[in-house]
Amino acid sequence: MEATKMSSKGQVIIPKHIRTLLNWETGQELIIINMPDGVLLKAKKPFKSTSLDDVAGILAYQGKAKTLKEMQEAIDKGISESFHGSS
């Protein structure tokens, strides 16, 4: 168990050997979880890098493909409804 102090700006130093053990580098984003007996710091996991090929087709669509015109009309309708309320 280790002790550290909080600065007047609310900053806490995590000892170097712990940062090294956890592979935390400068700029590491952390999640702070309020626990009954204190706080828990966890590394925020970035989303795994993906490409369009990795996710294309993940939501299978059944039916005739929409035309660019139909897609643009649906976008325009959605924008109109969000600003003017649905009719």
Protein backbone atom coordinates (compact mmCIF):
# COMPACT_ATOMS: atom_id res chain seq x y z
CA MET A 1 0.00 0.00 0.00
CA GLU A 2 1.28 3.46 -0.86
CA ALA A 3 0.32 6.96 0.14
CA THR A 4 0.23 10.12 -1.95
CA LYS A 5 -1.11 13.65 -1.50
CA MET A 6 -3.66 15.60 -3.48
CA SER A 7 -2.54 19.04 -4.69
CA SER A 8 -4.59 22.21 -4.37
CA LYS A 9 -5.71 21.59 -7.97
CA GLY A 10 -6.99 18.10 -7.13
CA GLN A 11 -4.06 16.35 -8.81
CA VAL A 12 -2.71 13.10 -7.41
CA ILE A 13 0.64 11.56 -8.30
CA ILE A 14 0.54 7.86 -9.11
CA PRO A 15 3.96 6.35 -8.28
CA LYS A 16 6.15 5.61 -11.31
CA HIS A 17 6.52 1.88 -10.62
CA ILE A 18 2.71 1.51 -10.58
CA ARG A 19 2.34 3.51 -13.82
CA THR A 20 5.01 1.30 -15.38
CA LEU A 21 3.36 -1.89 -14.13
CA LEU A 22 0.02 -0.78 -15.63
CA ASN A 23 1.60 0.58 -18.84
CA TRP A 24 0.08 4.01 -18.13
CA GLU A 25 1.85 6.78 -20.02
CA THR A 26 1.46 10.55 -20.03
CA GLY A 27 -2.02 11.45 -21.24
CA GLN A 28 -3.59 8.13 -20.15
CA GLU A 29 -7.31 8.69 -19.67
CA LEU A 30 -8.69 7.25 -16.46
CA ILE A 31 -12.17 6.33 -15.29
CA ILE A 32 -12.96 7.30 -11.71
CA ILE A 33 -15.46 5.03 -9.97
CA ASN A 34 -16.91 6.06 -6.62
CA MET A 35 -16.83 3.05 -4.28
CA PRO A 36 -18.26 2.72 -0.76
CA ASP A 37 -14.78 2.80 0.76
CA GLY A 38 -12.96 5.16 -1.67
CA VAL A 39 -12.38 5.60 -5.36
CA LEU A 40 -11.19 3.20 -8.03
CA LEU A 41 -9.06 4.40 -10.96
CA LYS A 42 -9.18 2.34 -14.14
CA ALA A 43 -7.63 2.96 -17.52
CA LYS A 44 -10.18 4.09 -20.06
CA LYS A 45 -10.00 1.57 -22.86
CA PRO A 46 -10.09 3.15 -26.30
CA PHE A 47 -12.25 1.53 -28.91
CA LYS A 48 -10.35 -0.98 -30.98
CA SER A 49 -9.38 0.48 -34.34
CA THR A 50 -11.64 -0.78 -37.09
CA SER A 51 -12.04 -0.22 -40.78
CA LEU A 52 -15.20 -0.08 -42.86
CA ASP A 53 -14.44 -3.61 -44.07
CA ASP A 54 -14.44 -4.82 -40.43
CA VAL A 55 -17.98 -3.59 -39.78
CA ALA A 56 -19.65 -3.47 -43.19
CA GLY A 57 -22.62 -5.76 -43.26
CA ILE A 58 -22.81 -6.18 -39.49
CA LEU A 59 -26.45 -5.07 -39.57
CA ALA A 60 -27.88 -7.18 -42.33
CA TYR A 61 -30.48 -5.30 -44.36
CA GLN A 62 -33.22 -7.27 -46.03
CA GLY A 63 -34.82 -5.60 -49.00
CA LYS A 64 -34.13 -3.48 -52.02
CA ALA A 65 -31.13 -1.15 -51.72
CA LYS A 66 -32.05 2.50 -51.21
CA THR A 67 -31.05 5.03 -53.83
CA LEU A 68 -28.97 8.08 -52.98
CA LYS A 69 -32.08 10.20 -53.57
CA GLU A 70 -34.11 8.12 -51.09
CA MET A 71 -31.34 8.36 -48.50
CA GLN A 72 -31.09 12.14 -48.92
CA GLU A 73 -34.88 12.49 -48.59
CA ALA A 74 -34.80 10.47 -45.35
CA ILE A 75 -31.97 12.65 -44.01
CA ASP A 76 -33.84 15.83 -44.94
CA LYS A 77 -37.00 14.52 -43.29
CA GLY A 78 -35.11 13.64 -40.09
CA ILE A 79 -33.51 17.08 -39.94
CA SER A 80 -36.83 18.79 -40.56
CA GLU A 81 -38.56 16.76 -37.84
CA SER A 82 -35.82 17.41 -35.30
CA PHE A 83 -36.09 21.18 -35.79
CA HIS A 84 -39.83 21.54 -36.45
CA GLY A 85 -41.36 18.56 -34.66
CA SER A 86 -42.87 15.59 -36.46
CA SER A 87 -46.02 16.22 -38.44
